PDB file of N, CA and C in Angstrom:
ATOM      1  N   MET A   1    -156.733  53.295-109.248  1.00  0.00           N
ATOM      2  CA  MET A   1    -156.002  52.611-108.187  1.00  0.00           C
ATOM      3  C   MET A   1    -156.448  51.137-108.165  1.00  0.00           C
ATOM      4  N   GLN A   2    -155.484  50.241-108.063  1.00  0.00           N
ATOM      5  CA  GLN A   2    -155.813  48.826-108.009  1.00  0.00           C
ATOM      6  C   GLN A   2    -156.331  48.466-106.653  1.00  0.00           C
ATOM      7  N   ARG A   3    -157.153  47.417-106.625  1.00  0.00           N
ATOM      8  CA  ARG A   3    -157.653  46.921-105.320  1.00  0.00           C
ATOM      9  C   ARG A   3    -156.606  46.063-104.683  1.00  0.00           C
ATOM     10  N   PRO A   4    -156.553  46.031-103.353  1.00  0.00           N
ATOM     11  CA  PRO A   4    -155.554  45.194-102.680  1.00  0.00           C
ATOM     12  C   PRO A   4    -155.832  43.714-102.868  1.00  0.00           C
ATOM     13  N   PHE A   5    -154.823  42.915-102.614  1.00  0.00           N
ATOM     14  CA  PHE A   5    -154.947  41.470-102.722  1.00  0.00           C
ATOM     15  C   PHE A   5    -156.021  41.017-101.735  1.00  0.00           C
ATOM     16  N   ARG A   6    -157.043  40.330-102.227  1.00  0.00           N
ATOM     17  CA  ARG A   6    -158.166  39.928-101.385  1.00  0.00           C
ATOM     18  C   ARG A   6    -158.093  38.458-100.947  1.00  0.00           C
ATOM     19  N   GLY A   7    -157.170  37.730-101.551  1.00  0.00           N
ATOM     20  CA  GLY A   7    -157.003  36.326-101.140  1.00  0.00           C
ATOM     21  C   GLY A   7    -157.593  35.373-102.164  1.00  0.00           C
ATOM     22  N   LYS A   8    -157.088  34.190-102.161  1.00  0.00           N
ATOM     23  CA  LYS A   8    -157.617  33.134-103.020  1.00  0.00           C
ATOM     24  C   LYS A   8    -157.208  31.808-102.422  1.00  0.00           C
ATOM     25  N   ILE A   9    -157.737  30.768-102.968  1.00  0.00           N
ATOM     26  CA  ILE A   9    -157.424  29.443-102.486  1.00  0.00           C
ATOM     27  C   ILE A   9    -156.185  28.904-103.216  1.00  0.00           C
ATOM     28  N   LEU A  10    -155.237  28.450-102.472  1.00  0.00           N
ATOM     29  CA  LEU A  10    -154.015  27.886-103.037  1.00  0.00           C
ATOM     30  C   LEU A  10    -153.930  26.397-102.680  1.00  0.00           C
ATOM     31  N   LYS A  11    -153.294  25.628-103.525  1.00  0.00           N
ATOM     32  CA  LYS A  11    -153.204  24.189-103.262  1.00  0.00           C
ATOM     33  C   LYS A  11    -151.792  23.823-102.864  1.00  0.00           C
ATOM     34  N   LYS A  12    -151.701  22.948-101.859  1.00  0.00           N
ATOM     35  CA  LYS A  12    -150.433  22.408-101.426  1.00  0.00           C
ATOM     36  C   LYS A  12    -150.199  21.105-102.182  1.00  0.00           C
ATOM     37  N   SER A  13    -148.962  20.681-102.233  1.00  0.00           N
ATOM     38  CA  SER A  13    -148.636  19.492-102.999  1.00  0.00           C
ATOM     39  C   SER A  13    -149.353  18.250-102.548  1.00  0.00           C
ATOM     40  N   CYS A  14    -149.705  18.166-101.265  1.00  0.00           N
ATOM     41  CA  CYS A  14    -150.413  16.991-100.755  1.00  0.00           C
ATOM     42  C   CYS A  14    -151.929  17.178-100.898  1.00  0.00           C
ATOM     43  N   LEU A  15    -152.370  18.120-101.759  1.00  0.00           N
ATOM     44  CA  LEU A  15    -153.764  18.388-102.045  1.00  0.00           C
ATOM     45  C   LEU A  15    -154.515  19.074-100.910  1.00  0.00           C
ATOM     46  N   ARG A  16    -153.820  19.573 -99.919  1.00  0.00           N
ATOM     47  CA  ARG A  16    -154.478  20.360 -98.900  1.00  0.00           C
ATOM     48  C   ARG A  16    -154.633  21.779 -99.404  1.00  0.00           C
ATOM     49  N   THR A  17    -155.785  22.363 -99.233  1.00  0.00           N
ATOM     50  CA  THR A  17    -155.992  23.723 -99.707  1.00  0.00           C
ATOM     51  C   THR A  17    -155.967  24.696 -98.527  1.00  0.00           C
ATOM     52  N   TYR A  18    -155.483  25.853 -98.787  1.00  0.00           N
ATOM     53  CA  TYR A  18    -155.437  26.919 -97.785  1.00  0.00           C
ATOM     54  C   TYR A  18    -156.155  28.131 -98.329  1.00  0.00           C
ATOM     55  N   LYS A  19    -156.955  28.724 -97.519  1.00  0.00           N
ATOM     56  CA  LYS A  19    -157.601  29.973 -97.888  1.00  0.00           C
ATOM     57  C   LYS A  19    -156.748  31.095 -97.358  1.00  0.00           C
ATOM     58  N   ILE A  20    -156.504  32.074 -98.168  1.00  0.00           N
ATOM     59  CA  ILE A  20    -155.687  33.210 -97.778  1.00  0.00           C
ATOM     60  C   ILE A  20    -156.587  34.313 -97.237  1.00  0.00           C
ATOM     61  N   LYS A  21    -156.268  34.775 -96.009  1.00  0.00           N
ATOM     62  CA  LYS A  21    -156.993  35.888 -95.440  1.00  0.00           C
ATOM     63  C   LYS A  21    -155.984  37.001 -95.168  1.00  0.00           C
ATOM     64  N   VAL A  22    -156.333  38.201 -95.596  1.00  0.00           N
ATOM     65  CA  VAL A  22    -155.441  39.350 -95.407  1.00  0.00           C
ATOM     66  C   VAL A  22    -156.116  40.297 -94.417  1.00  0.00           C
ATOM     67  N   LEU A  23    -155.465  40.511 -93.278  1.00  0.00           N
ATOM     68  CA  LEU A  23    -156.014  41.403 -92.266  1.00  0.00           C
ATOM     69  C   LEU A  23    -156.012  42.855 -92.750  1.00  0.00           C
ATOM     70  N   ALA A  24    -156.860  43.651 -92.135  1.00  0.00           N
ATOM     71  CA  ALA A  24    -157.001  45.061 -92.507  1.00  0.00           C
ATOM     72  C   ALA A  24    -155.643  45.795 -92.438  1.00  0.00           C
ATOM     73  N   ARG A  25    -154.891  45.519 -91.383  1.00  0.00           N
ATOM     74  CA  ARG A  25    -153.563  46.167 -91.225  1.00  0.00           C
ATOM     75  C   ARG A  25    -152.668  45.856 -92.415  1.00  0.00           C
ATOM     76  N   ALA A  26    -152.646  44.583 -92.839  1.00  0.00           N
ATOM     77  CA  ALA A  26    -151.822  44.197 -93.955  1.00  0.00           C
ATOM     78  C   ALA A  26    -152.312  44.824 -95.266  1.00  0.00           C
ATOM     79  N   ARG A  27    -153.619  44.890 -95.452  1.00  0.00           N
ATOM     80  CA  ARG A  27    -154.177  45.571 -96.653  1.00  0.00           C
ATOM     81  C   ARG A  27    -153.737  46.994 -96.734  1.00  0.00           C
ATOM     82  N   LYS A  28    -153.787  47.667 -95.572  1.00  0.00           N
ATOM     83  CA  LYS A  28    -153.373  49.082 -95.537  1.00  0.00           C
ATOM     84  C   LYS A  28    -151.885  49.196 -95.882  1.00  0.00           C
ATOM     85  N   GLU A  29    -151.041  48.313 -95.331  1.00  0.00           N
ATOM     86  CA  GLU A  29    -149.635  48.356 -95.600  1.00  0.00           C
ATOM     87  C   GLU A  29    -149.318  48.049 -97.071  1.00  0.00           C
ATOM     88  N   ILE A  30    -150.092  47.141 -97.667  1.00  0.00           N
ATOM     89  CA  ILE A  30    -149.886  46.814 -99.086  1.00  0.00           C
ATOM     90  C   ILE A  30    -150.197  48.038 -99.931  1.00  0.00           C
ATOM     91  N   LEU A  31    -151.319  48.691 -99.690  1.00  0.00           N
ATOM     92  CA  LEU A  31    -151.679  49.898-100.426  1.00  0.00           C
ATOM     93  C   LEU A  31    -150.660  51.006-100.292  1.00  0.00           C
ATOM     94  N   GLU A  32    -150.234  51.235 -99.040  1.00  0.00           N
ATOM     95  CA  GLU A  32    -149.230  52.287 -98.809  1.00  0.00           C
ATOM     96  C   GLU A  32    -147.932  51.954 -99.530  1.00  0.00           C
ATOM     97  N   ALA A  33    -147.469  50.745 -99.456  1.00  0.00           N
ATOM     98  CA  ALA A  33    -146.194  50.381-100.094  1.00  0.00           C
ATOM     99  C   ALA A  33    -146.311  50.464-101.627  1.00  0.00           C
ATOM    100  N   ARG A  34    -147.399  49.946-102.148  1.00  0.00           N
ATOM    101  CA  ARG A  34    -147.569  49.963-103.603  1.00  0.00           C
ATOM    102  C   ARG A  34    -147.641  51.406-104.109  1.00  0.00           C
ATOM    103  N   ASN A  35    -148.391  52.264-103.415  1.00  0.00           N
ATOM    104  CA  ASN A  35    -148.481  53.664-103.825  1.00  0.00           C
ATOM    105  C   ASN A  35    -147.142  54.408-103.691  1.00  0.00           C
ATOM    106  N   LEU A  36    -146.394  54.097-102.649  1.00  0.00           N
ATOM    107  CA  LEU A  36    -145.067  54.695-102.448  1.00  0.00           C
ATOM    108  C   LEU A  36    -144.130  54.324-103.577  1.00  0.00           C
ATOM    109  N   TYR A  37    -144.069  53.026-103.909  1.00  0.00           N
ATOM    110  CA  TYR A  37    -143.170  52.584-104.977  1.00  0.00           C
ATOM    111  C   TYR A  37    -143.603  53.127-106.317  1.00  0.00           C
ATOM    112  N   GLU A  38    -144.906  53.191-106.562  1.00  0.00           N
ATOM    113  CA  GLU A  38    -145.382  53.734-107.827  1.00  0.00           C
ATOM    114  C   GLU A  38    -145.078  55.221-107.954  1.00  0.00           C
ATOM    115  N   ALA A  39    -145.109  55.976-106.833  1.00  0.00           N
ATOM    116  CA  ALA A  39    -144.806  57.370-106.842  1.00  0.00           C
ATOM    117  C   ALA A  39    -143.291  57.617-107.114  1.00  0.00           C
ATOM    118  N   ARG A  40    -142.486  56.692-106.635  1.00  0.00           N
ATOM    119  CA  ARG A  40    -141.029  56.816-106.825  1.00  0.00           C
ATOM    120  C   ARG A  40    -140.645  56.534-108.278  1.00  0.00           C
ATOM    121  N   ARG A  41    -141.268  55.556-108.832  1.00  0.00           N
ATOM    122  CA  ARG A  41    -140.932  55.179-110.238  1.00  0.00           C
ATOM    123  C   ARG A  41    -142.116  54.441-110.835  1.00  0.00           C
ATOM    124  N   LYS A  42    -142.519  54.891-112.000  1.00  0.00           N
ATOM    125  CA  LYS A  42    -143.659  54.271-112.681  1.00  0.00           C
ATOM    126  C   LYS A  42    -143.403  52.767-112.935  1.00  0.00           C
ATOM    127  N   GLY A  43    -144.367  51.960-112.543  1.00  0.00           N
ATOM    128  CA  GLY A  43    -144.280  50.524-112.699  1.00  0.00           C
ATOM    129  C   GLY A  43    -143.769  49.772-111.506  1.00  0.00           C
ATOM    130  N   PHE A  44    -143.123  50.468-110.562  1.00  0.00           N
ATOM    131  CA  PHE A  44    -142.624  49.785-109.364  1.00  0.00           C
ATOM    132  C   PHE A  44    -143.747  49.278-108.465  1.00  0.00           C
ATOM    133  N   GLY A  45    -144.841  50.039-108.407  1.00  0.00           N
ATOM    134  CA  GLY A  45    -145.985  49.611-107.604  1.00  0.00           C
ATOM    135  C   GLY A  45    -146.521  48.269-108.093  1.00  0.00           C
ATOM    136  N   LYS A  46    -146.624  48.126-109.397  1.00  0.00           N
ATOM    137  CA  LYS A  46    -147.083  46.877-110.001  1.00  0.00           C
ATOM    138  C   LYS A  46    -146.092  45.762-109.751  1.00  0.00           C
ATOM    139  N   LEU A  47    -144.799  46.079-109.854  1.00  0.00           N
ATOM    140  CA  LEU A  47    -143.740  45.110-109.576  1.00  0.00           C
ATOM    141  C   LEU A  47    -143.838  44.612-108.151  1.00  0.00           C
ATOM    142  N   PHE A  48    -144.076  45.551-107.206  1.00  0.00           N
ATOM    143  CA  PHE A  48    -144.230  45.168-105.804  1.00  0.00           C
ATOM    144  C   PHE A  48    -145.437  44.220-105.658  1.00  0.00           C
ATOM    145  N   SER A  49    -146.555  44.556-106.287  1.00  0.00           N
ATOM    146  CA  SER A  49    -147.746  43.692-106.172  1.00  0.00           C
ATOM    147  C   SER A  49    -147.489  42.313-106.755  1.00  0.00           C
ATOM    148  N   LEU A  50    -146.812  42.235-107.873  1.00  0.00           N
ATOM    149  CA  LEU A  50    -146.511  40.953-108.512  1.00  0.00           C
ATOM    150  C   LEU A  50    -145.623  40.082-107.614  1.00  0.00           C
ATOM    151  N   GLU A  51    -144.603  40.731-107.042  1.00  0.00           N
ATOM    152  CA  GLU A  51    -143.704  39.956-106.175  1.00  0.00           C
ATOM    153  C   GLU A  51    -144.441  39.501-104.916  1.00  0.00           C
ATOM    154  N   LEU A  52    -145.263  40.372-104.355  1.00  0.00           N
ATOM    155  CA  LEU A  52    -146.052  40.009-103.183  1.00  0.00           C
ATOM    156  C   LEU A  52    -146.949  38.816-103.488  1.00  0.00           C
ATOM    157  N   GLN A  53    -147.626  38.856-104.641  1.00  0.00           N
ATOM    158  CA  GLN A  53    -148.486  37.726-105.054  1.00  0.00           C
ATOM    159  C   GLN A  53    -147.674  36.431-105.175  1.00  0.00           C
ATOM    160  N   SER A  54    -146.485  36.534-105.772  1.00  0.00           N
ATOM    161  CA  SER A  54    -145.661  35.369-105.944  1.00  0.00           C
ATOM    162  C   SER A  54    -145.218  34.782-104.583  1.00  0.00           C
ATOM    163  N   GLU A  55    -144.832  35.653-103.663  1.00  0.00           N
ATOM    164  CA  GLU A  55    -144.416  35.180-102.339  1.00  0.00           C
ATOM    165  C   GLU A  55    -145.584  34.560-101.563  1.00  0.00           C
ATOM    166  N   ILE A  56    -146.767  35.122-101.708  1.00  0.00           N
ATOM    167  CA  ILE A  56    -147.944  34.553-101.013  1.00  0.00           C
ATOM    168  C   ILE A  56    -148.248  33.190-101.612  1.00  0.00           C
ATOM    169  N   GLU A  57    -148.108  33.028-102.922  1.00  0.00           N
ATOM    170  CA  GLU A  57    -148.310  31.708-103.530  1.00  0.00           C
ATOM    171  C   GLU A  57    -147.285  30.734-103.022  1.00  0.00           C
ATOM    172  N   ARG A  58    -146.060  31.196-102.823  1.00  0.00           N
ATOM    173  CA  ARG A  58    -144.994  30.333-102.268  1.00  0.00           C
ATOM    174  C   ARG A  58    -145.327  29.885-100.847  1.00  0.00           C
ATOM    175  N   ILE A  59    -145.872  30.820-100.056  1.00  0.00           N
ATOM    176  CA  ILE A  59    -146.318  30.461 -98.719  1.00  0.00           C
ATOM    177  C   ILE A  59    -147.403  29.364 -98.807  1.00  0.00           C
ATOM    178  N   GLY A  60    -148.303  29.526 -99.759  1.00  0.00           N
ATOM    179  CA  GLY A  60    -149.413  28.612 -99.902  1.00  0.00           C
ATOM    180  C   GLY A  60    -148.975  27.196-100.253  1.00  0.00           C
ATOM    181  N   THR A  61    -147.810  27.025-100.883  1.00  0.00           N
ATOM    182  CA  THR A  61    -147.350  25.682-101.198  1.00  0.00           C
ATOM    183  C   THR A  61    -146.880  24.927 -99.978  1.00  0.00           C
ATOM    184  N   ASN A  62    -146.306  25.659 -99.009  1.00  0.00           N
ATOM    185  CA  ASN A  62    -145.885  25.026 -97.765  1.00  0.00           C
ATOM    186  C   ASN A  62    -145.722  26.108 -96.704  1.00  0.00           C
ATOM    187  N   PRO A  63    -146.810  26.411 -95.978  1.00  0.00           N
ATOM    188  CA  PRO A  63    -146.763  27.509 -94.998  1.00  0.00           C
ATOM    189  C   PRO A  63    -145.868  27.197 -93.789  1.00  0.00           C
ATOM    190  N   PHE A  64    -145.496  25.933 -93.609  1.00  0.00           N
ATOM    191  CA  PHE A  64    -144.705  25.577 -92.440  1.00  0.00           C
ATOM    192  C   PHE A  64    -143.212  25.552 -92.745  1.00  0.00           C
ATOM    193  N   LEU A  65    -142.852  25.966 -93.937  1.00  0.00           N
ATOM    194  CA  LEU A  65    -141.459  25.949 -94.342  1.00  0.00           C
ATOM    195  C   LEU A  65    -140.645  27.063 -93.688  1.00  0.00           C
ATOM    196  N   PHE A  66    -141.290  28.150 -93.368  1.00  0.00           N
ATOM    197  CA  PHE A  66    -140.604  29.341 -92.844  1.00  0.00           C
ATOM    198  C   PHE A  66    -140.630  29.420 -91.368  1.00  0.00           C
ATOM    199  N   LYS A  67    -139.552  29.976 -90.780  1.00  0.00           N
ATOM    200  CA  LYS A  67    -139.382  29.989 -89.315  1.00  0.00           C
ATOM    201  C   LYS A  67    -140.412  30.912 -88.657  1.00  0.00           C
ATOM    202  N   LYS A  68    -140.733  30.562 -87.428  1.00  0.00           N
ATOM    203  CA  LYS A  68    -141.631  31.393 -86.595  1.00  0.00           C
ATOM    204  C   LYS A  68    -140.836  32.313 -85.726  1.00  0.00           C
ATOM    205  N   ASN A  69    -141.376  33.500 -85.484  1.00  0.00           N
ATOM    206  CA  ASN A  69    -140.742  34.427 -84.578  1.00  0.00           C
ATOM    207  C   ASN A  69    -141.184  34.136 -83.140  1.00  0.00           C
ATOM    208  N   GLU A  70    -140.727  34.926 -82.190  1.00  0.00           N
ATOM    209  CA  GLU A  70    -141.039  34.647 -80.780  1.00  0.00           C
ATOM    210  C   GLU A  70    -142.503  34.847 -80.446  1.00  0.00           C
ATOM    211  N   PHE A  71    -143.297  35.409 -81.360  1.00  0.00           N
ATOM    212  CA  PHE A  71    -144.711  35.609 -81.119  1.00  0.00           C
ATOM    213  C   PHE A  71    -145.591  34.591 -81.810  1.00  0.00           C
ATOM    214  N   GLY A  72    -144.964  33.619 -82.475  1.00  0.00           N
ATOM    215  CA  GLY A  72    -145.706  32.544 -83.144  1.00  0.00           C
ATOM    216  C   GLY A  72    -146.086  32.842 -84.596  1.00  0.00           C
ATOM    217  N   PHE A  73    -145.629  33.968 -85.120  1.00  0.00           N
ATOM    218  CA  PHE A  73    -145.893  34.290 -86.529  1.00  0.00           C
ATOM    219  C   PHE A  73    -144.708  33.792 -87.392  1.00  0.00           C
ATOM    220  N   SER A  74    -145.021  33.345 -88.585  1.00  0.00           N
ATOM    221  CA  SER A  74    -143.944  33.001 -89.546  1.00  0.00           C
ATOM    222  C   SER A  74    -143.605  34.229 -90.351  1.00  0.00           C
ATOM    223  N   GLU A  75    -142.367  34.319 -90.808  1.00  0.00           N
ATOM    224  CA  GLU A  75    -141.913  35.489 -91.550  1.00  0.00           C
ATOM    225  C   GLU A  75    -141.168  35.022 -92.813  1.00  0.00           C
ATOM    226  N   ILE A  76    -141.457  35.714 -93.900  1.00  0.00           N
ATOM    227  CA  ILE A  76    -140.729  35.430 -95.130  1.00  0.00           C
ATOM    228  C   ILE A  76    -140.323  36.761 -95.743  1.00  0.00           C
ATOM    229  N   PRO A  77    -139.022  36.949 -96.038  1.00  0.00           N
ATOM    230  CA  PRO A  77    -138.603  38.204 -96.657  1.00  0.00           C
ATOM    231  C   PRO A  77    -138.941  38.250 -98.147  1.00  0.00           C
ATOM    232  N   MET A  78    -139.335  39.395 -98.623  1.00  0.00           N
ATOM    233  CA  MET A  78    -139.516  39.560-100.070  1.00  0.00           C
ATOM    234  C   MET A  78    -138.128  39.659-100.696  1.00  0.00           C
ATOM    235  N   LYS A  79    -138.004  39.261-101.956  1.00  0.00           N
ATOM    236  CA  LYS A  79    -136.686  39.200-102.572  1.00  0.00           C
ATOM    237  C   LYS A  79    -136.176  40.576-103.000  1.00  0.00           C
ATOM    238  N   ARG A  80    -137.015  41.393-103.671  1.00  0.00           N
ATOM    239  CA  ARG A  80    -136.542  42.638-104.234  1.00  0.00           C
ATOM    240  C   ARG A  80    -136.900  43.873-103.378  1.00  0.00           C
ATOM    241  N   PHE A  81    -137.786  43.696-102.417  1.00  0.00           N
ATOM    242  CA  PHE A  81    -138.238  44.830-101.608  1.00  0.00           C
ATOM    243  C   PHE A  81    -137.955  44.564-100.153  1.00  0.00           C
ATOM    244  N   PRO A  82    -137.666  45.647 -99.396  1.00  0.00           N
ATOM    245  CA  PRO A  82    -137.293  45.453 -98.010  1.00  0.00           C
ATOM    246  C   PRO A  82    -138.514  45.276 -97.087  1.00  0.00           C
ATOM    247  N   HIS A  83    -139.245  44.201 -97.311  1.00  0.00           N
ATOM    248  CA  HIS A  83    -140.446  43.924 -96.538  1.00  0.00           C
ATOM    249  C   HIS A  83    -140.452  42.463 -96.100  1.00  0.00           C
ATOM    250  N   LEU A  84    -141.074  42.210 -94.968  1.00  0.00           N
ATOM    251  CA  LEU A  84    -141.332  40.851 -94.498  1.00  0.00           C
ATOM    252  C   LEU A  84    -142.847  40.591 -94.602  1.00  0.00           C
ATOM    253  N   ILE A  85    -143.202  39.423 -95.057  1.00  0.00           N
ATOM    254  CA  ILE A  85    -144.593  38.992 -95.002  1.00  0.00           C
ATOM    255  C   ILE A  85    -144.765  38.211 -93.726  1.00  0.00           C
ATOM    256  N   ILE A  86    -145.572  38.731 -92.823  1.00  0.00           N
ATOM    257  CA  ILE A  86    -145.771  38.102 -91.516  1.00  0.00           C
ATOM    258  C   ILE A  86    -147.123  37.420 -91.518  1.00  0.00           C
ATOM    259  N   TYR A  87    -147.142  36.127 -91.233  1.00  0.00           N
ATOM    260  CA  TYR A  87    -148.395  35.396 -91.337  1.00  0.00           C
ATOM    261  C   TYR A  87    -148.462  34.282 -90.281  1.00  0.00           C
ATOM    262  N   SER A  88    -149.611  33.709 -90.116  1.00  0.00           N
ATOM    263  CA  SER A  88    -149.811  32.530 -89.314  1.00  0.00           C
ATOM    264  C   SER A  88    -150.728  31.568 -90.060  1.00  0.00           C
ATOM    265  N   CYS A  89    -150.589  30.314 -89.725  1.00  0.00           N
ATOM    266  CA  CYS A  89    -151.430  29.288 -90.372  1.00  0.00           C
ATOM    267  C   CYS A  89    -152.384  28.768 -89.279  1.00  0.00           C
ATOM    268  N   ILE A  90    -153.643  28.963 -89.508  1.00  0.00           N
ATOM    269  CA  ILE A  90    -154.701  28.530 -88.561  1.00  0.00           C
ATOM    270  C   ILE A  90    -155.621  27.564 -89.300  1.00  0.00           C
ATOM    271  N   GLU A  91    -155.562  26.318 -88.926  1.00  0.00           N
ATOM    272  CA  GLU A  91    -156.348  25.267 -89.555  1.00  0.00           C
ATOM    273  C   GLU A  91    -156.119  25.246 -91.065  1.00  0.00           C
ATOM    274  N   ASP A  92    -157.162  25.582 -91.856  1.00  0.00           N
ATOM    275  CA  ASP A  92    -157.027  25.579 -93.311  1.00  0.00           C
ATOM    276  C   ASP A  92    -156.844  26.969 -93.915  1.00  0.00           C
ATOM    277  N   SER A  93    -156.460  27.918 -93.089  1.00  0.00           N
ATOM    278  CA  SER A  93    -156.262  29.308 -93.549  1.00  0.00           C
ATOM    279  C   SER A  93    -154.882  29.807 -93.250  1.00  0.00           C
ATOM    280  N   ILE A  94    -154.400  30.609 -94.163  1.00  0.00           N
ATOM    281  CA  ILE A  94    -153.156  31.359 -93.955  1.00  0.00           C
ATOM    282  C   ILE A  94    -153.576  32.828 -93.751  1.00  0.00           C
ATOM    283  N   VAL A  95    -153.278  33.338 -92.584  1.00  0.00           N
ATOM    284  CA  VAL A  95    -153.662  34.724 -92.231  1.00  0.00           C
ATOM    285  C   VAL A  95    -152.460  35.628 -92.368  1.00  0.00           C
ATOM    286  N   ILE A  96    -152.533  36.549 -93.342  1.00  0.00           N
ATOM    287  CA  ILE A  96    -151.461  37.538 -93.526  1.00  0.00           C
ATOM    288  C   ILE A  96    -151.739  38.662 -92.535  1.00  0.00           C
ATOM    289  N   ALA A  97    -150.821  38.804 -91.548  1.00  0.00           N
ATOM    290  CA  ALA A  97    -151.022  39.789 -90.489  1.00  0.00           C
ATOM    291  C   ALA A  97    -150.391  41.134 -90.840  1.00  0.00           C
ATOM    292  N   SER A  98    -149.282  41.105 -91.575  1.00  0.00           N
ATOM    293  CA  SER A  98    -148.579  42.387 -91.849  1.00  0.00           C
ATOM    294  C   SER A  98    -147.621  42.194 -93.005  1.00  0.00           C
ATOM    295  N   ILE A  99    -147.425  43.305 -93.728  1.00  0.00           N
ATOM    296  CA  ILE A  99    -146.367  43.431 -94.736  1.00  0.00           C
ATOM    297  C   ILE A  99    -145.454  44.479 -94.137  1.00  0.00           C
ATOM    298  N   PHE A 100    -144.437  44.023 -93.421  1.00  0.00           N
ATOM    299  CA  PHE A 100    -143.626  44.875 -92.546  1.00  0.00           C
ATOM    300  C   PHE A 100    -142.392  45.360 -93.243  1.00  0.00           C
ATOM    301  N   HIS A 101    -142.198  46.683 -93.299  1.00  0.00           N
ATOM    302  CA  HIS A 101    -140.995  47.278 -93.889  1.00  0.00           C
ATOM    303  C   HIS A 101    -139.839  47.092 -92.897  1.00  0.00           C
ATOM    304  N   THR A 102    -138.739  46.571 -93.362  1.00  0.00           N
ATOM    305  CA  THR A 102    -137.656  46.182 -92.462  1.00  0.00           C
ATOM    306  C   THR A 102    -136.872  47.361 -91.849  1.00  0.00           C
ATOM    307  N   SER A 103    -137.117  48.581 -92.362  1.00  0.00           N
ATOM    308  CA  SER A 103    -136.438  49.742 -91.743  1.00  0.00           C
ATOM    309  C   SER A 103    -137.158  50.227 -90.504  1.00  0.00           C
ATOM    310  N   GLN A 104    -138.351  49.681 -90.245  1.00  0.00           N
ATOM    311  CA  GLN A 104    -139.114  50.086 -89.038  1.00  0.00           C
ATOM    312  C   GLN A 104    -138.518  49.430 -87.808  1.00  0.00           C
ATOM    313  N   ASN A 105    -138.892  49.975 -86.679  1.00  0.00           N
ATOM    314  CA  ASN A 105    -138.502  49.387 -85.389  1.00  0.00           C
ATOM    315  C   ASN A 105    -139.156  48.011 -85.248  1.00  0.00           C
ATOM    316  N   PRO A 106    -138.374  46.962 -84.992  1.00  0.00           N
ATOM    317  CA  PRO A 106    -138.951  45.628 -84.879  1.00  0.00           C
ATOM    318  C   PRO A 106    -140.028  45.506 -83.796  1.00  0.00           C
ATOM    319  N   LYS A 107    -140.063  46.408 -82.877  1.00  0.00           N
ATOM    320  CA  LYS A 107    -141.087  46.378 -81.850  1.00  0.00           C
ATOM    321  C   LYS A 107    -142.462  46.662 -82.387  1.00  0.00           C
ATOM    322  N   LYS A 108    -142.533  47.186 -83.632  1.00  0.00           N
ATOM    323  CA  LYS A 108    -143.805  47.475 -84.277  1.00  0.00           C
ATOM    324  C   LYS A 108    -144.430  46.252 -84.978  1.00  0.00           C
ATOM    325  N   LYS A 109    -143.679  45.149 -85.003  1.00  0.00           N
ATOM    326  CA  LYS A 109    -144.209  43.942 -85.655  1.00  0.00           C
ATOM    327  C   LYS A 109    -145.462  43.458 -84.893  1.00  0.00           C
ATOM    328  N   PRO A 110    -146.370  42.783 -85.595  1.00  0.00           N
ATOM    329  CA  PRO A 110    -147.564  42.261 -84.896  1.00  0.00           C
ATOM    330  C   PRO A 110    -147.208  41.226 -83.857  1.00  0.00           C
ATOM    331  N   ARG A 111    -147.960  41.268 -82.785  1.00  0.00           N
ATOM    332  CA  ARG A 111    -147.724  40.326 -81.663  1.00  0.00           C
ATOM    333  C   ARG A 111    -148.960  39.492 -81.467  1.00  0.00           C
TER     334      ARG A 111
END
């Protein structure tokens, strides 16, 4: 089993660096989603992880590009998978709060 994304430092175009922090809830959701997709079809779990990594890197280039919800979190939809990456930017860190499956009740989103 692969280890969940632990975070890394990403650079913004204006040379500002952001440290990525992934909360325990998001780590759990990443593992569950990756294992679910891998169980459905061999290689899909890895594809999910690669797309997630790509989207997190995109967030790192400009975390303020994406709209905020009513609770102050920014949300970015994944392209191939029905998940939202829910995060906030606090000083020099991007905090990934949840990898939210869009078929769930929206009331379950982090607040």
